Structures are given as C-alpha cells and as structure tokens.
C-alpha cells in the first residue's frame, strides 16, 4: 500500500504534465505558441503538438474563408457625377498568421475594419472613373477584379488574402430613381418613334417599288398582247385571203350572211336602202353567182 501511493502520485503528475504540455490543432486553425508574450512557434499543420508547461501558452486563429458583408449599401459617385447605391461583399482569409498577429494583434474585428475601408476606397476610386452603364453591366467584372487586386496588396501587409470582391446590387437612390425611369421612358419613346418613322419610310419605298414593278409588268403584258393580237390578225387576214382566193363567191356569200345577221339582230332596227341595192343580192336570188363559182 505504501508503494502504491507514490506510484499513483507519479502517474497523476505525469498525466498533469502531459495535459499541460500537449495541445491539439484543428485543421481549420492556425496556432501560435507564446513564451512571455513573444512568439516562439507558428503551427500550421493540424495534429498534436508540444509546449513547455507553465512557461508557454497557445492561441488559435481561424484559417477558414471569412465573409465581410456590408451592413447597408454605400453611396458612390460615378464619372457622370451621379449617385449610386452599392451593396457588396468580400471573401478573405488569414494566410500569414504571424504577420496577422503582429499587425492587428490577431483581432478579426480590427482586420475587418481595415479591409472594409480598403475595399470602400477602392470601389469609390473605380466608380469615379466609370459610367453608370459600366458599373451596372458593361465593365462590372473589370471593376471587381481591379478592386480585389488593389485591396489584396494592402491586405497582404496584415497577413490576409483577399479572395473575391463582389457587387450584389448597384442601384439609384430612391430620390432620383423616378426621374431616371422617366428619362429612360422618354428615350425609349424617342427611339420607338424614330423606328416607326423609318418603318413608314421603308413601307412607302416598298409600295412605290411595287407600283413601279406593276406598271412595268402591265406595260410588258400589254405589249405582248398587242403583238400577239397583231400576229393573230395578220394570220386571220392571210387565212381570209387564201379562202377568198379559192372561192370568191362563197366568201362574198358568207360575208353577206354575216351582214344580214348583224343588221337584223334587233326587231327595232330599220334599214333605208334602195330595192335594187347590192345588199339584197342574195335575198333576191340565193343562187346568185353560183354559176360564176363553178
């Protein structure tokens, strides 16, 4: 029993010394070992590590990516001297924990305050060189990239890396939004009116071209019709001439019949002719001239 007590005391002492000497670093953390307030070791690898008990102490720092989100949109001036409200956020992380501790005492609040000011100054400078159209859509990505790079240069001085700067929203203040919208509507109306005028002019041009082409086609068709008619009349005259040459008496008889048909078409028609007129030749003697044709 007397031997067991010293053994238990020794074991308890060893456990106590081990608990005071060993510490664990999580993979999401950095650790700095201090001795009398001075940095003696910076631990970046996770696992179990050793320190001198009672003389050294350990402080942990978050190595994960952090986010700085604006509490309220900031008011910036563009190149056209127009005010815009900008809502942004920043992604950052500690990369040099010793520098981070020496610069801001390892205080994340102080680091965030400095980074926020740096980002704000960068955005203000960039917005002052860009138009509203640039920061809304045209060169938005370029603005964010330039601001990130400039802010990262200053952030490295405190052991921090700026991973990303993003604009969540760029808008006009409420006081001028209505006037901007009215101006935009007026501009759209002007453009619409111009387009309608251009469309009407094009329509008139198309109609004029169509009318001109119609007149040309009608003239060409009339020309071809007259040409075909002339050719038909010439061919008919040739046929009549040939038929007359073969049987002149029959041709005269046929012409007289056509004349009788046209003359006596209406009962009210009246002819005033001499009884011995040549017109009644075939009325008096239908066989007239038959002998001549033989």
Protein backbone atom coordinates (compact mmCIF):
# COMPACT_ATOMS: atom_id res chain seq x y z
CA UNK A 1 0.00 0.00 0.00
CA UNK A 2 2.80 2.34 0.89
CA UNK A 3 4.43 1.69 -2.51
CA UNK A 4 1.15 2.19 -4.41
CA UNK A 5 0.61 5.75 -3.21
CA UNK A 6 3.87 7.14 -4.68
CA UNK A 7 3.15 5.30 -7.93
CA UNK A 8 -0.32 6.85 -8.18
CA UNK A 9 1.11 10.28 -7.38
CA UNK A 10 3.74 9.84 -10.08
CA UNK A 11 1.12 8.77 -12.63
CA UNK A 12 -1.14 11.69 -11.78
CA UNK A 13 1.82 14.04 -12.02
CA UNK A 14 2.73 12.63 -15.43
CA UNK A 15 -0.86 13.00 -16.65
CA UNK A 16 -0.98 16.58 -15.39
CA UNK A 17 2.32 17.45 -17.05
CA UNK A 18 1.16 15.81 -20.28
CA UNK A 19 -2.12 17.72 -20.23
CA UNK A 20 -0.22 20.95 -19.72
CA UNK A 21 2.39 20.11 -22.35
CA UNK A 22 0.32 18.69 -25.19
CA UNK A 23 -2.26 20.55 -27.27
CA UNK A 24 -4.24 19.80 -30.42
CA UNK A 25 -4.50 21.98 -33.53
CA UNK A 26 -7.60 21.52 -35.69
CA UNK A 27 -7.30 21.51 -39.50
CA UNK A 28 -9.43 24.67 -39.55
CA UNK A 29 -6.95 26.54 -37.34
CA UNK A 30 -3.53 28.09 -37.08
CA UNK A 31 -1.76 28.15 -33.70
CA UNK A 32 0.90 30.41 -32.26
CA UNK A 33 2.96 29.37 -29.23
CA UNK A 34 3.94 32.28 -26.95
CA UNK A 35 6.54 32.44 -24.19
CA UNK A 36 6.48 35.52 -22.01
CA UNK A 37 4.41 37.28 -24.73
CA UNK A 38 6.89 36.53 -27.52
CA UNK A 39 6.13 34.30 -30.49
CA UNK A 40 8.26 31.15 -30.28
CA UNK A 41 6.46 28.87 -32.75
CA UNK A 42 3.84 29.08 -35.50
CA UNK A 43 1.95 25.86 -36.13
CA UNK A 44 0.20 25.42 -39.49
CA UNK A 45 -0.19 21.66 -39.55
CA UNK A 46 -3.07 20.00 -37.69
CA UNK A 47 -2.35 17.36 -35.06
CA UNK A 48 -0.94 17.00 -31.54
CA UNK A 49 1.88 19.39 -30.59
CA UNK A 50 4.09 20.07 -27.55
CA UNK A 51 4.67 23.17 -25.44
CA UNK A 52 6.58 23.87 -22.25
CA UNK A 53 4.06 23.78 -19.46
CA UNK A 54 3.54 26.86 -17.29
CA UNK A 55 6.03 28.84 -19.44
CA UNK A 56 4.30 28.73 -22.83
CA UNK A 57 0.71 29.33 -23.93
CA UNK A 58 -1.11 28.76 -27.22
CA UNK A 59 -3.50 30.99 -29.16
CA UNK A 60 -5.64 29.75 -32.01
CA UNK A 61 -6.65 31.60 -35.20
CA UNK A 62 -9.29 30.69 -37.78
CA UNK A 63 -7.83 29.76 -41.18
CA UNK A 64 -11.19 29.37 -42.95
CA UNK A 65 -12.54 31.77 -45.59
CA UNK A 66 -14.38 34.68 -43.96
CA UNK A 67 -17.02 36.99 -45.39
CA UNK A 68 -17.37 40.74 -44.96
CA UNK A 69 -20.91 41.79 -45.84
CA UNK A 70 -21.87 45.45 -45.94
CA UNK A 71 -24.38 46.44 -43.28
CA UNK A 72 -26.03 48.95 -45.62
CA UNK A 73 -25.43 49.99 -49.25
CA UNK A 74 -22.71 52.61 -49.71
CA UNK A 75 -23.28 55.79 -51.74
CA UNK A 76 -20.72 56.36 -54.54
CA UNK A 77 -20.35 58.92 -57.33
CA UNK A 78 -19.84 57.83 -60.95
CA UNK A 79 -17.91 59.68 -63.64
CA UNK A 80 -21.13 61.48 -64.65
CA UNK A 81 -21.46 62.76 -61.07
CA UNK A 82 -24.44 60.51 -60.42
CA UNK A 83 -25.02 58.91 -57.05
CA UNK A 84 -25.47 55.14 -56.92
CA UNK A 85 -26.06 52.79 -54.01
CA UNK A 86 -23.62 49.86 -53.96
CA UNK A 87 -24.10 46.68 -51.95
CA UNK A 88 -21.02 44.42 -51.92
CA UNK A 89 -19.29 41.63 -50.04
CA UNK A 90 -15.70 40.40 -49.65
CA UNK A 91 -14.19 36.94 -49.19
CA UNK A 92 -10.89 36.83 -47.24
CA UNK A 93 -8.72 34.53 -45.11
CA UNK A 94 -5.58 34.58 -43.00
CA UNK A 95 -2.52 33.23 -44.82
CA UNK A 96 0.32 34.53 -42.62
CA UNK A 97 -0.83 34.11 -39.05
CA UNK A 98 2.33 35.59 -37.51
CA UNK A 99 2.03 38.74 -39.63
CA UNK A 100 -1.67 38.85 -38.83
CA UNK A 101 -0.92 38.78 -35.12
CA UNK A 102 1.83 41.39 -35.30
CA UNK A 103 -0.24 43.77 -37.49
CA UNK A 104 -3.65 43.73 -35.81
CA UNK A 105 -2.96 41.66 -32.69
CA UNK A 106 -4.86 38.77 -34.18
CA UNK A 107 -8.06 40.78 -33.77
CA UNK A 108 -10.51 39.85 -36.55
CA UNK A 109 -12.65 42.92 -35.84
CA UNK A 110 -9.70 45.22 -36.43
CA UNK A 111 -8.76 43.30 -39.58
CA UNK A 112 -12.32 43.50 -40.91
CA UNK A 113 -12.45 47.24 -40.23
CA UNK A 114 -9.23 47.81 -42.17
CA UNK A 115 -10.28 45.58 -45.06
CA UNK A 116 -13.68 47.24 -45.25
CA UNK A 117 -12.05 50.66 -45.50
CA UNK A 118 -9.62 49.45 -48.16
CA UNK A 119 -12.42 47.95 -50.26
CA UNK A 120 -14.54 51.07 -49.82
CA UNK A 121 -11.72 53.33 -51.01
CA UNK A 122 -11.05 51.07 -53.99
CA UNK A 123 -14.70 51.00 -55.04
CA UNK A 124 -15.00 54.76 -54.65
CA UNK A 125 -11.95 55.30 -56.87
CA UNK A 126 -13.17 52.88 -59.55
CA UNK A 127 -16.74 54.17 -59.59
CA UNK A 128 -15.39 57.70 -60.00
CA UNK A 129 -13.78 56.61 -63.29
CA UNK A 130 -16.73 54.65 -64.69
CA UNK A 131 -20.17 55.50 -66.01
CA UNK A 132 -23.42 54.11 -64.63
CA UNK A 133 -23.67 51.75 -67.61
CA UNK A 134 -20.13 50.48 -66.93
CA UNK A 135 -20.72 49.60 -63.28
CA UNK A 136 -24.15 48.09 -63.89
CA UNK A 137 -23.25 45.77 -66.73
CA UNK A 138 -20.57 46.88 -69.17
CA UNK A 139 -17.38 46.70 -67.04
CA UNK A 140 -18.71 45.32 -63.78
CA UNK A 141 -16.39 42.30 -63.72
CA UNK A 142 -13.41 44.50 -64.53
CA UNK A 143 -14.25 46.87 -61.67
CA UNK A 144 -14.46 43.98 -59.18
CA UNK A 145 -11.19 42.48 -60.38
CA UNK A 146 -9.31 45.78 -60.13
CA UNK A 147 -10.66 46.47 -56.65
CA UNK A 148 -9.76 42.95 -55.48
CA UNK A 149 -6.19 43.20 -56.72
CA UNK A 150 -5.62 46.62 -55.11
CA UNK A 151 -7.19 45.55 -51.83
CA UNK A 152 -5.18 42.33 -51.81
CA UNK A 153 -1.91 44.29 -51.96
CA UNK A 154 -2.84 46.15 -48.78
CA UNK A 155 -4.31 43.04 -47.13
CA UNK A 156 -1.03 41.16 -47.51
CA UNK A 157 0.54 43.68 -45.17
CA UNK A 158 -1.53 42.28 -42.32
CA UNK A 159 -1.16 38.63 -43.35
CA UNK A 160 -4.53 38.41 -45.09
CA UNK A 161 -5.51 37.38 -48.63
CA UNK A 162 -8.49 38.88 -50.49
CA UNK A 163 -10.08 36.07 -52.47
CA UNK A 164 -13.03 37.84 -54.04
CA UNK A 165 -14.91 41.13 -54.19
CA UNK A 166 -18.49 41.06 -55.48
CA UNK A 167 -21.15 43.68 -56.14
CA UNK A 168 -24.52 42.35 -55.08
CA UNK A 169 -26.51 45.37 -56.17
CA UNK A 170 -25.95 48.72 -57.88
CA UNK A 171 -28.99 50.98 -57.80
CA UNK A 172 -30.04 54.62 -57.76
CA UNK A 173 -31.22 56.30 -54.56
CA UNK A 174 -34.99 56.49 -54.18
CA UNK A 175 -34.99 60.26 -54.71
CA UNK A 176 -33.66 60.05 -58.27
CA UNK A 177 -34.95 56.63 -59.33
CA UNK A 178 -38.27 58.04 -60.57
CA UNK A 179 -36.59 60.79 -62.62
CA UNK A 180 -34.17 58.26 -64.12
CA UNK A 181 -37.02 55.95 -65.06
CA UNK A 182 -38.94 58.86 -66.61
CA UNK A 183 -35.90 59.81 -68.67
CA UNK A 184 -35.41 56.23 -69.75
CA UNK A 185 -39.07 56.02 -70.82
CA UNK A 186 -38.71 59.26 -72.76
CA UNK A 187 -35.61 57.97 -74.52
CA UNK A 188 -37.40 54.70 -75.37
CA UNK A 189 -40.36 56.65 -76.76
CA UNK A 190 -37.99 58.70 -78.92
CA UNK A 191 -36.31 55.56 -80.23
CA UNK A 192 -39.70 53.92 -80.86
CA UNK A 193 -40.92 57.00 -82.75
CA UNK A 194 -37.78 57.05 -84.85
CA UNK A 195 -38.14 53.36 -85.64
CA UNK A 196 -41.79 53.85 -86.62
CA UNK A 197 -40.81 56.76 -88.90
CA UNK A 198 -38.09 54.70 -90.52
CA UNK A 199 -40.53 51.81 -90.92
CA UNK A 200 -43.12 54.09 -92.55
CA UNK A 201 -40.49 55.44 -94.95
CA UNK A 202 -39.39 51.92 -95.83
CA UNK A 203 -43.02 50.91 -96.35
CA UNK A 204 -43.58 53.83 -98.74
CA UNK A 205 -40.44 52.90 -100.63
CA UNK A 206 -41.56 49.28 -100.89
CA UNK A 207 -45.02 50.32 -102.10
CA UNK A 208 -43.50 52.68 -104.67
CA UNK A 209 -41.22 49.93 -105.94
CA UNK A 210 -44.17 47.50 -106.09
CA UNK A 211 -46.28 50.02 -108.03
CA UNK A 212 -43.44 50.67 -110.44
CA UNK A 213 -42.91 46.95 -110.99
CA UNK A 214 -46.68 46.54 -111.51
CA UNK A 215 -46.71 49.25 -114.17
CA UNK A 216 -43.72 47.69 -115.87
CA UNK A 217 -45.34 44.24 -115.85
CA UNK A 218 -48.64 45.62 -117.17
CA UNK A 219 -46.85 47.51 -119.92
CA UNK A 220 -44.89 44.40 -120.87
CA UNK A 221 -48.06 42.31 -120.83
CA UNK A 222 -49.95 44.85 -122.96
CA UNK A 223 -47.08 44.99 -125.39
CA UNK A 224 -47.02 41.20 -125.69
CA UNK A 225 -50.83 41.09 -126.02
CA UNK A 226 -50.81 43.66 -128.79
CA UNK A 227 -48.03 41.83 -130.53
CA UNK A 228 -49.92 38.52 -130.30
CA UNK A 229 -53.12 40.21 -131.43
CA UNK A 230 -51.36 41.74 -134.42
CA UNK A 231 -49.89 38.38 -135.32
CA UNK A 232 -53.35 36.77 -134.96
CA UNK A 233 -54.99 39.45 -137.10
CA UNK A 234 -52.31 39.02 -139.73
CA UNK A 235 -52.76 35.27 -139.71
CA UNK A 236 -56.56 35.65 -139.88
CA UNK A 237 -56.24 38.08 -142.76
CA UNK A 238 -53.97 35.61 -144.52
CA UNK A 239 -56.50 32.83 -143.95
CA UNK A 240 -59.31 35.04 -145.24
CA UNK A 241 -57.24 35.99 -148.25
CA UNK A 242 -56.45 32.36 -149.02
CA UNK A 243 -60.09 31.37 -148.60
CA UNK A 244 -61.24 34.25 -150.82
CA UNK A 245 -58.77 33.24 -153.48
CA UNK A 246 -60.07 29.67 -153.51
CA UNK A 247 -63.82 30.57 -153.61
CA UNK A 248 -64.57 34.25 -154.02
CA UNK A 249 -68.33 33.69 -154.48
CA UNK A 250 -68.59 31.65 -151.27
CA UNK A 251 -66.60 34.32 -149.42
CA UNK A 252 -68.97 37.01 -150.71
CA UNK A 253 -71.97 34.87 -149.71
CA UNK A 254 -70.56 34.29 -146.19
CA UNK A 255 -69.83 37.99 -145.74
CA UNK A 256 -73.40 38.84 -146.82
CA UNK A 257 -74.84 36.36 -144.32
CA UNK A 258 -72.78 37.91 -141.52
CA UNK A 259 -74.00 41.35 -142.59
CA UNK A 260 -77.65 40.17 -142.60
CA UNK A 261 -77.20 38.64 -139.13
CA UNK A 262 -75.83 41.85 -137.69
CA UNK A 263 -78.35 44.07 -139.48
CA UNK A 264 -81.45 42.15 -138.45
CA UNK A 265 -80.34 41.25 -134.93
CA UNK A 266 -82.89 43.56 -133.29
CA UNK A 267 -86.52 43.81 -134.42
CA UNK A 268 -86.48 47.55 -133.92
CA UNK A 269 -83.64 48.04 -136.38
CA UNK A 270 -84.62 50.00 -139.56
CA UNK A 271 -82.66 49.96 -142.84
CA UNK A 272 -83.26 52.52 -145.54
CA UNK A 273 -81.89 51.11 -148.82
CA UNK A 274 -82.88 51.07 -152.50
CA UNK A 275 -84.66 47.87 -153.54
CA UNK A 276 -82.11 47.15 -156.21
CA UNK A 277 -79.21 47.65 -153.80
CA UNK A 278 -76.37 45.17 -153.96
CA UNK A 279 -77.03 44.47 -150.22
CA UNK A 280 -80.15 42.43 -151.15
CA UNK A 281 -78.37 40.44 -153.79
CA UNK A 282 -78.67 37.09 -152.00
CA UNK A 283 -82.21 37.86 -150.74
CA UNK A 284 -83.47 38.08 -154.28
CA UNK A 285 -81.51 35.14 -155.66
CA UNK A 286 -79.70 32.85 -153.16
CA UNK A 287 -78.06 31.08 -156.12
CA UNK A 288 -76.67 34.35 -157.40
CA UNK A 289 -73.16 33.92 -158.61
CA UNK A 290 -73.24 30.15 -158.15
CA UNK A 291 -72.59 29.72 -161.76
CA UNK A 292 -69.64 32.02 -161.56
CA UNK A 293 -68.12 29.94 -158.79
CA UNK A 294 -68.26 26.80 -160.92
